[in-house]
Amino acid sequence: MTEHARPAHPFYAYCQTALQEIEEQGRYRRFTSLSRRSSQYPVYDQGNIKQSEKPVTVWSSNDYLGMGVEPEVMNAAISAIQEYGAGSGGTRNIAGTHPLHVALEAELADLHGKEAGLLFVSGYVSNHASLQTILTSMSGDWITFSDQQNHASMIAGIKGAKNSQCIIFKHNDLTDLEEKLASAPASAPKLIAFESVYSMDGDIADIGAICALARKYNALTYLDEVHAVGLYGNQGGGISERDQVADQVDIIEGTLAKGFGVHGGYVTAKKEIIEYLRLAASGFIFTTALPPSIVAPALASIKLVRQQHWRREKLFERVHTFQKKLKAAGIPFIQTESHIVPVMIGDAERCKEISRRLLDEYALYATPINYPTVPKGTERLRLTPNPFHTDTMMNDMVNALKALL
């Protein structure tokens, strides 16, 4: 044994065992190397092979409106880099707050009809930091009522508030939620955490009804609109705008990385809540700020999405057309009112195999969704048609699925 050698730490053995178990359970996730053609979205090249002989049509992108390849958005990023550089230089407290940060936060607040907004480096961080900060305030005796299918980022934020109590209610079940609210101590501060569009099943929450229960039981409402911003409502404010209930929600959280096609997360609310999070949320305070090269295109994207209604109209025309083609072909899928089309497989290994064969044999990419993202036995391909999927692309996918299923 050399001077600096030591016995292997047990964590190495633990990792090997855990990885083997994940592999045996069919849950081992391997990256698929793809590079987008900005001028031909949703066409991608495999790996670093530019303009390959076998381009891939991608069906699982969260850039729902294709804003990440919109020329005006890309040019805003290029101009920002040329004028301000590639990075932000530090946190907003240390390196300074760029006027673009202020402008984007104001735009987001206006989009949701709120007094103020706060940017975070991702949607995951905005959920985690905001919920944890809120639930550790006021001596930490909060009771959180969390939807059974809430995103991992929300769960992490709630669990991170160690002194608060979390009560999980059945997914989108208003009766179960009210029963649990009614049984909680009336004096305890309460928060209801839920999403508008749930990304795996594509179903939608009754925001107005949840807000009514919140008023009845004096609970704060925290709504994740990540999979809805840009896509729903007259200006892309999400389901809460579409249903005209945004003013009833206390805190609306969203992302810049899906419907707006760029990167980052945010929360909007009354000014005092946003100011408290700005001064107390460690996930904001101690993280390098989004660079101008991200903030500028995000701001450009939101302004375009708010003005250009054709993007939302085209998206849902494409979704409905694709659903009709799947139905005519007898392919099992969950039909909801949202833009997400889950094609049900029901077995982890088979789901992975079908995804692999779609790519290898048909040059079609569809993400396999397995446990723990969804319950065992509900494995599926999560498909997201966008405004640029043509009828030919849809026919190719339908025919391939029919052959493989």
Protein backbone atom coordinates (compact mmCIF):
# COMPACT_ATOMS: atom_id res chain seq x y z
CA MET A 1 0.00 0.00 0.00
CA THR A 2 1.43 3.38 -1.00
CA GLU A 3 1.69 6.30 1.38
CA HIS A 4 -1.58 7.89 0.17
CA ALA A 5 -3.54 4.70 -0.53
CA ARG A 6 -6.48 3.72 1.66
CA PRO A 7 -9.08 0.96 1.68
CA ALA A 8 -11.93 1.48 -0.76
CA HIS A 9 -14.71 3.53 0.78
CA PRO A 10 -17.97 1.52 1.13
CA PHE A 11 -19.79 4.05 -1.03
CA TYR A 12 -18.04 2.63 -4.11
CA ALA A 13 -19.50 -0.82 -3.44
CA TYR A 14 -22.88 0.71 -2.70
CA CYS A 15 -22.90 2.48 -6.07
CA GLN A 16 -21.99 -0.72 -7.91
CA THR A 17 -24.78 -2.68 -6.22
CA ALA A 18 -27.33 0.07 -6.72
CA LEU A 19 -26.47 0.44 -10.40
CA GLN A 20 -26.78 -3.31 -10.92
CA GLU A 21 -30.20 -3.31 -9.28
CA ILE A 22 -31.36 -0.39 -11.42
CA GLU A 23 -30.18 -2.24 -14.53
CA GLU A 24 -31.98 -5.45 -13.50
CA GLN A 25 -35.20 -3.51 -12.87
CA GLY A 26 -35.08 -2.01 -16.35
CA ARG A 27 -34.70 1.52 -14.96
CA TYR A 28 -31.16 2.28 -16.17
CA ARG A 29 -31.34 5.51 -18.13
CA ARG A 30 -28.86 6.11 -20.93
CA PHE A 31 -28.46 9.40 -22.71
CA THR A 32 -29.31 9.65 -26.39
CA SER A 33 -26.92 12.00 -28.14
CA LEU A 34 -28.89 14.40 -30.34
CA SER A 35 -28.19 17.86 -31.76
CA ARG A 36 -31.00 20.07 -33.01
CA ARG A 37 -31.03 21.63 -36.46
CA SER A 38 -32.16 25.15 -35.64
CA SER A 39 -33.48 25.73 -39.15
CA GLN A 40 -35.36 22.43 -39.39
CA TYR A 41 -36.94 21.86 -35.95
CA PRO A 42 -38.04 19.20 -34.91
CA VAL A 43 -35.33 17.52 -37.00
CA TYR A 44 -32.12 16.59 -35.16
CA ASP A 45 -28.81 14.93 -35.99
CA GLN A 46 -27.50 11.99 -34.00
CA GLY A 47 -24.53 12.93 -31.86
CA ASN A 48 -22.01 15.27 -33.43
CA ILE A 49 -22.68 14.11 -36.97
CA LYS A 50 -23.87 17.30 -38.64
CA GLN A 51 -26.38 16.90 -41.46
CA SER A 52 -26.22 13.13 -41.11
CA GLU A 53 -27.68 10.89 -43.77
CA LYS A 54 -30.34 9.74 -41.32
CA PRO A 55 -31.76 12.77 -39.49
CA VAL A 56 -33.99 12.11 -36.51
CA THR A 57 -37.47 13.51 -35.94
CA VAL A 58 -37.83 14.26 -32.22
CA TRP A 59 -41.20 13.80 -30.52
CA SER A 60 -40.30 14.46 -26.88
CA SER A 61 -39.00 18.01 -26.78
CA ASN A 62 -40.35 20.39 -24.14
CA ASP A 63 -39.72 23.33 -26.46
CA TYR A 64 -43.44 23.12 -27.12
CA LEU A 65 -43.74 26.11 -29.46
CA GLY A 66 -40.31 25.95 -31.06
CA MET A 67 -39.35 29.31 -29.55
CA GLY A 68 -35.79 28.13 -28.97
CA VAL A 69 -35.19 28.27 -32.74
CA GLU A 70 -37.22 31.41 -33.46
CA PRO A 71 -34.80 33.77 -35.31
CA GLU A 72 -35.79 36.82 -33.26
CA VAL A 73 -35.11 34.91 -30.04
CA MET A 74 -31.76 33.55 -31.26
CA ASN A 75 -30.69 37.00 -32.45
CA ALA A 76 -31.50 38.46 -29.04
CA ALA A 77 -29.10 35.94 -27.49
CA ILE A 78 -26.36 36.71 -30.00
CA SER A 79 -26.71 40.46 -29.52
CA ALA A 80 -26.62 40.10 -25.74
CA ILE A 81 -23.41 38.06 -25.86
CA GLN A 82 -21.76 40.57 -28.16
CA GLU A 83 -22.77 43.51 -25.96
CA TYR A 84 -22.53 42.04 -22.44
CA GLY A 85 -20.43 38.87 -22.71
CA ALA A 86 -21.26 35.22 -22.17
CA GLY A 87 -21.79 35.11 -18.40
CA SER A 88 -23.34 37.19 -15.65
CA GLY A 89 -20.27 37.43 -13.43
CA GLY A 90 -21.84 36.34 -10.15
CA THR A 91 -24.94 36.54 -8.02
CA ARG A 92 -27.19 39.55 -8.36
CA ASN A 93 -26.21 40.74 -4.89
CA ILE A 94 -22.47 40.58 -5.63
CA ALA A 95 -22.08 41.26 -9.35
CA GLY A 96 -25.06 43.58 -9.69
CA THR A 97 -28.53 43.23 -11.16
CA HIS A 98 -28.67 43.74 -14.91
CA PRO A 99 -31.50 45.92 -16.28
CA LEU A 100 -32.55 42.88 -18.34
CA HIS A 101 -33.25 40.94 -15.11
CA VAL A 102 -35.53 43.73 -13.94
CA ALA A 103 -37.29 43.95 -17.30
CA LEU A 104 -37.88 40.20 -17.51
CA GLU A 105 -39.24 40.00 -13.96
CA ALA A 106 -41.63 42.86 -14.73
CA GLU A 107 -42.75 41.12 -17.94
CA LEU A 108 -43.42 37.86 -16.08
CA ALA A 109 -45.32 39.62 -13.31
CA ASP A 110 -47.48 41.35 -15.91
CA LEU A 111 -48.06 38.08 -17.77
CA HIS A 112 -49.58 36.53 -14.64
CA GLY A 113 -51.28 39.67 -13.33
CA LYS A 114 -49.04 39.85 -10.26
CA GLU A 115 -47.22 42.72 -8.59
CA ALA A 116 -43.71 41.29 -8.85
CA GLY A 117 -41.58 38.41 -10.07
CA LEU A 118 -38.26 36.77 -9.19
CA LEU A 119 -35.91 34.88 -11.52
CA PHE A 120 -34.16 31.63 -10.60
CA VAL A 121 -31.61 29.59 -12.53
CA SER A 122 -34.14 26.84 -13.31
CA GLY A 123 -37.73 25.79 -12.72
CA TYR A 124 -36.50 23.09 -10.35
CA VAL A 125 -34.66 25.64 -8.24
CA SER A 126 -37.56 28.10 -8.23
CA ASN A 127 -39.88 25.42 -6.82
CA HIS A 128 -37.37 23.99 -4.36
CA ALA A 129 -36.10 27.33 -3.04
CA SER A 130 -39.46 29.07 -2.86
CA LEU A 131 -41.38 26.29 -1.15
CA GLN A 132 -38.61 25.51 1.33
CA THR A 133 -38.22 29.19 2.20
CA ILE A 134 -41.95 29.74 2.70
CA LEU A 135 -42.41 26.58 4.76
CA THR A 136 -39.54 27.38 7.11
CA SER A 137 -40.93 30.85 7.88
CA MET A 138 -43.30 31.70 10.73
CA SER A 139 -41.56 29.22 13.10
CA GLY A 140 -41.97 26.38 10.61
CA ASP A 141 -45.26 24.87 11.79
CA TRP A 142 -46.84 24.98 8.34
CA ILE A 143 -49.07 22.22 6.98
CA THR A 144 -48.63 21.63 3.25
CA PHE A 145 -51.28 19.87 1.17
CA SER A 146 -49.45 18.45 -1.82
CA ASP A 147 -51.02 16.78 -4.87
CA GLN A 148 -50.03 13.13 -5.20
CA GLN A 149 -48.46 13.75 -8.62
CA ASN A 150 -46.53 16.93 -7.88
CA HIS A 151 -43.13 17.32 -9.54
CA ALA A 152 -39.97 16.17 -7.78
CA SER A 153 -38.82 19.78 -7.38
CA MET A 154 -41.93 20.65 -5.37
CA ILE A 155 -41.56 17.53 -3.25
CA ALA A 156 -37.91 18.36 -2.57
CA GLY A 157 -38.80 21.88 -1.46
CA ILE A 158 -41.57 20.64 0.83
CA LYS A 159 -39.40 17.91 2.34
CA GLY A 160 -36.59 20.41 2.81
CA ALA A 161 -38.75 22.30 5.30
CA LYS A 162 -38.11 19.74 8.02
CA ASN A 163 -40.31 21.22 10.75
CA SER A 164 -43.40 21.54 8.55
CA GLN A 165 -45.97 18.79 8.02
CA CYS A 166 -46.82 17.47 4.55
CA ILE A 167 -50.20 15.90 3.79
CA ILE A 168 -50.57 14.32 0.35
CA PHE A 169 -54.01 14.42 -1.23
CA LYS A 170 -55.20 12.15 -4.04
CA HIS A 171 -54.39 13.46 -7.48
CA ASN A 172 -56.84 16.15 -8.60
CA ASP A 173 -59.33 14.90 -5.97
CA LEU A 174 -61.10 17.92 -4.50
CA THR A 175 -63.14 15.81 -2.09
CA ASP A 176 -60.03 14.25 -0.59
CA LEU A 177 -58.34 17.64 -0.42
CA GLU A 178 -61.24 19.20 1.46
CA GLU A 179 -61.45 16.30 3.90
CA LYS A 180 -57.79 16.74 4.72
CA LEU A 181 -58.08 20.52 5.00
CA ALA A 182 -61.08 20.19 7.31
CA SER A 183 -59.25 17.77 9.61
CA ALA A 184 -56.22 20.02 10.04
CA PRO A 185 -55.94 22.45 12.98
CA ALA A 186 -57.67 25.68 12.05
CA SER A 187 -54.89 27.79 13.58
CA ALA A 188 -52.03 26.21 11.61
CA PRO A 189 -50.70 28.12 8.56
CA LYS A 190 -51.60 26.09 5.46
CA LEU A 191 -50.37 25.91 1.88
CA ILE A 192 -51.82 23.99 -1.08
CA ALA A 193 -49.17 23.05 -3.65
CA PHE A 194 -50.34 21.81 -7.05
CA GLU A 195 -49.73 21.98 -10.79
CA SER A 196 -51.91 23.15 -13.65
CA VAL A 197 -50.87 20.64 -16.34
CA TYR A 198 -49.38 17.38 -15.07
CA SER A 199 -46.66 16.40 -17.49
CA MET A 200 -46.92 12.61 -17.45
CA ASP A 201 -50.69 12.06 -17.84
CA GLY A 202 -51.43 15.43 -19.41
CA ASP A 203 -54.42 16.11 -17.16
CA ILE A 204 -55.36 19.53 -15.80
CA ALA A 205 -56.23 20.77 -12.32
CA ASP A 206 -59.41 22.68 -11.45
CA ILE A 207 -57.57 25.77 -10.25
CA GLY A 208 -60.69 27.76 -9.42
CA ALA A 209 -62.11 25.01 -7.23
CA ILE A 210 -58.82 24.56 -5.38
CA CYS A 211 -58.62 28.31 -4.78
CA ALA A 212 -62.17 28.24 -3.41
CA LEU A 213 -61.13 25.58 -0.89
CA ALA A 214 -58.07 27.64 -0.03
CA ARG A 215 -60.27 30.62 0.80
CA LYS A 216 -62.61 28.46 2.85
CA TYR A 217 -59.78 27.04 4.95
CA ASN A 218 -57.47 30.08 4.84
CA ALA A 219 -54.66 28.36 2.90
CA LEU A 220 -52.00 29.91 0.68
CA THR A 221 -52.01 28.60 -2.91
CA TYR A 222 -48.82 27.72 -4.79
CA LEU A 223 -49.37 26.83 -8.46
CA ASP A 224 -46.78 25.31 -10.79
CA GLU A 225 -47.60 26.42 -14.37
CA VAL A 226 -44.38 25.02 -15.85
CA HIS A 227 -46.05 22.92 -18.57
CA ALA A 228 -48.69 25.53 -19.35
CA VAL A 229 -46.98 28.92 -19.68
CA GLY A 230 -46.87 30.08 -23.27
CA LEU A 231 -49.41 27.48 -24.39
CA TYR A 232 -52.68 28.37 -22.66
CA GLY A 233 -54.60 31.59 -22.13
CA ASN A 234 -55.02 34.57 -24.43
CA GLN A 235 -51.39 35.67 -23.91
CA GLY A 236 -49.79 32.41 -22.77
CA GLY A 237 -50.22 33.00 -19.04
CA GLY A 238 -51.15 29.36 -18.51
CA ILE A 239 -54.24 27.52 -17.34
CA SER A 240 -54.86 30.12 -14.64
CA GLU A 241 -55.14 32.78 -17.36
CA ARG A 242 -57.25 30.54 -19.59
CA ASP A 243 -59.68 29.88 -16.73
CA GLN A 244 -59.55 33.53 -15.59
CA VAL A 245 -58.50 32.63 -12.04
CA ALA A 246 -54.91 33.88 -11.92
CA ASP A 247 -55.94 36.63 -9.50
CA GLN A 248 -57.13 33.96 -7.05
CA VAL A 249 -53.73 32.22 -6.87
CA ASP A 250 -51.23 33.55 -4.35
CA ILE A 251 -48.00 32.33 -6.01
CA ILE A 252 -47.59 31.30 -9.64
CA GLU A 253 -44.35 29.52 -10.58
CA GLY A 254 -43.18 28.88 -14.11
CA THR A 255 -40.26 28.17 -16.41
CA LEU A 256 -38.58 29.87 -19.32
CA ALA A 257 -37.34 26.54 -20.70
CA LYS A 258 -40.49 24.95 -22.14
CA GLY A 259 -43.17 27.07 -23.81
CA PHE A 260 -40.72 29.98 -24.04
CA GLY A 261 -37.88 27.79 -25.33
CA VAL A 262 -34.94 29.29 -23.41
CA HIS A 263 -33.83 28.58 -19.82
CA GLY A 264 -34.56 29.53 -16.21
CA GLY A 265 -37.38 29.55 -13.67
CA TYR A 266 -39.39 32.16 -11.82
CA VAL A 267 -42.13 32.91 -9.30
CA THR A 268 -44.67 35.73 -9.35
CA ALA A 269 -46.81 37.00 -6.48
CA LYS A 270 -47.60 40.09 -4.41
CA LYS A 271 -44.62 42.34 -3.83
CA GLU A 272 -44.12 41.43 -0.16
CA ILE A 273 -43.88 37.71 -0.92
CA ILE A 274 -41.40 38.26 -3.75
CA GLU A 275 -39.29 40.60 -1.63
CA TYR A 276 -39.22 38.07 1.19
CA LEU A 277 -38.06 35.32 -1.18
CA ARG A 278 -35.45 37.65 -2.68
CA LEU A 279 -33.99 38.31 0.76
CA ALA A 280 -34.44 34.85 2.30
CA ALA A 281 -34.29 32.11 -0.39
CA SER A 282 -30.81 30.61 -0.41
CA GLY A 283 -31.47 29.11 -3.85
CA PHE A 284 -31.65 32.67 -5.15
CA ILE A 285 -29.10 34.43 -2.95
CA PHE A 286 -26.18 32.05 -3.38
CA THR A 287 -26.53 31.13 -7.07
CA THR A 288 -24.90 32.89 -10.02
CA ALA A 289 -27.52 34.91 -11.87
CA LEU A 290 -28.86 34.01 -15.28
CA PRO A 291 -26.59 35.67 -17.87
CA PRO A 292 -27.88 38.40 -20.19
CA SER A 293 -27.41 35.93 -23.06
CA ILE A 294 -30.27 33.90 -21.55
CA VAL A 295 -32.39 36.71 -20.14
CA ALA A 296 -32.51 38.71 -23.39
CA PRO A 297 -33.85 35.86 -25.56
CA ALA A 298 -36.29 34.85 -22.81
CA LEU A 299 -37.68 38.39 -22.75
CA ALA A 300 -37.92 38.44 -26.55
CA SER A 301 -39.65 35.04 -26.54
CA ILE A 302 -42.29 36.02 -23.98
CA LYS A 303 -43.14 39.20 -25.87
CA LEU A 304 -43.57 37.25 -29.11
CA VAL A 305 -45.63 34.49 -27.49
CA ARG A 306 -47.96 37.03 -25.87
CA GLN A 307 -48.58 38.74 -29.20
CA GLN A 308 -48.63 35.85 -31.66
CA HIS A 309 -51.73 33.74 -31.07
CA TRP A 310 -51.09 31.57 -34.13
CA ARG A 311 -48.47 29.57 -32.26
CA ARG A 312 -50.98 28.27 -29.70
CA GLU A 313 -53.64 27.73 -32.35
CA LYS A 314 -51.26 25.74 -34.55
CA LEU A 315 -49.98 23.70 -31.59
CA PHE A 316 -53.43 22.43 -30.65
CA GLU A 317 -54.45 21.82 -34.25
CA ARG A 318 -51.38 19.58 -34.55
CA VAL A 319 -52.11 17.83 -31.23
CA HIS A 320 -55.71 17.07 -32.19
CA THR A 321 -54.67 15.87 -35.66
CA PHE A 322 -52.09 13.53 -34.15
CA GLN A 323 -54.59 12.16 -31.62
CA LYS A 324 -57.03 11.39 -34.43
CA LYS A 325 -54.33 9.51 -36.35
CA LEU A 326 -53.37 7.47 -33.27
CA LYS A 327 -57.01 6.63 -32.58
CA ALA A 328 -57.64 5.57 -36.17
CA ALA A 329 -54.61 3.26 -35.99
CA GLY A 330 -55.78 1.68 -32.71
CA ILE A 331 -52.71 2.83 -30.76
CA PRO A 332 -53.37 3.10 -26.99
CA PHE A 333 -52.88 6.61 -25.63
CA ILE A 334 -54.29 8.86 -22.94
CA GLN A 335 -56.52 11.46 -24.56
CA THR A 336 -56.70 14.65 -22.50
CA GLU A 337 -57.40 18.30 -23.21
CA SER A 338 -53.71 19.16 -22.87
CA HIS A 339 -50.86 19.13 -25.41
CA ILE A 340 -49.21 16.01 -23.95
CA VAL A 341 -49.89 12.67 -25.65
CA PRO A 342 -48.80 9.65 -23.56
CA VAL A 343 -48.68 6.39 -25.57
CA MET A 344 -49.12 3.59 -23.06
CA ILE A 345 -46.75 0.60 -23.04
CA GLY A 346 -47.07 -0.83 -19.50
CA ASP A 347 -43.68 -2.54 -19.13
CA ALA A 348 -40.29 -0.95 -18.45
CA GLU A 349 -38.17 -3.22 -20.66
CA ARG A 350 -40.66 -3.14 -23.52
CA CYS A 351 -40.94 0.64 -23.27
CA LYS A 352 -37.17 1.03 -23.54
CA GLU A 353 -37.01 -1.47 -26.40
CA ILE A 354 -39.71 0.26 -28.43
CA SER A 355 -37.99 3.61 -27.91
CA ARG A 356 -34.69 2.10 -29.05
CA ARG A 357 -36.22 0.53 -32.15
CA LEU A 358 -38.05 3.74 -33.06
CA LEU A 359 -34.67 5.49 -33.15
CA ASP A 360 -32.61 2.74 -34.74
CA GLU A 361 -35.10 1.53 -37.34
CA TYR A 362 -37.28 4.57 -38.04
CA ALA A 363 -35.15 7.60 -37.05
CA LEU A 364 -37.84 8.71 -34.59
CA TYR A 365 -37.05 9.73 -31.01
CA ALA A 366 -39.61 9.28 -28.25
CA THR A 367 -38.55 9.30 -24.62
CA PRO A 368 -39.36 6.14 -22.63
CA ILE A 369 -40.90 7.10 -19.27
CA ASN A 370 -40.43 4.47 -16.57
CA TYR A 371 -40.57 4.16 -12.78
CA PRO A 372 -39.98 6.18 -10.61
CA THR A 373 -41.23 8.99 -12.89
CA VAL A 374 -44.48 7.03 -13.33
CA PRO A 375 -45.85 4.08 -11.31
CA LYS A 376 -44.77 0.58 -12.33
CA GLY A 377 -47.12 -0.85 -14.91
CA THR A 378 -47.88 2.57 -16.45
CA GLU A 379 -44.69 2.97 -18.50
CA ARG A 380 -45.23 5.06 -21.59
CA LEU A 381 -43.77 7.07 -24.44
CA ARG A 382 -44.42 10.76 -23.76
CA LEU A 383 -45.08 12.47 -27.08
CA THR A 384 -45.39 16.23 -27.52
CA PRO A 385 -46.49 17.31 -31.00
CA ASN A 386 -45.50 20.88 -31.79
CA PRO A 387 -46.52 23.38 -34.50
CA PHE A 388 -43.77 22.12 -36.80
CA HIS A 389 -44.63 18.41 -36.88
CA THR A 390 -45.98 17.85 -40.37
CA ASP A 391 -48.62 15.33 -41.43
CA THR A 392 -45.83 13.25 -42.99
CA MET A 393 -43.94 13.19 -39.69
CA MET A 394 -47.12 12.16 -37.89
CA ASN A 395 -47.83 9.38 -40.37
CA ASP A 396 -44.27 8.10 -39.95
CA MET A 397 -44.67 7.93 -36.17
CA VAL A 398 -48.11 6.34 -36.30
CA ASN A 399 -47.00 3.69 -38.80
CA ALA A 400 -43.86 2.91 -36.78
CA LEU A 401 -45.82 2.56 -33.53
CA LYS A 402 -48.37 0.35 -35.24
CA ALA A 403 -45.61 -1.92 -36.52
CA LEU A 404 -43.83 -2.12 -33.16
CA LEU A 405 -46.89 -2.46 -30.94
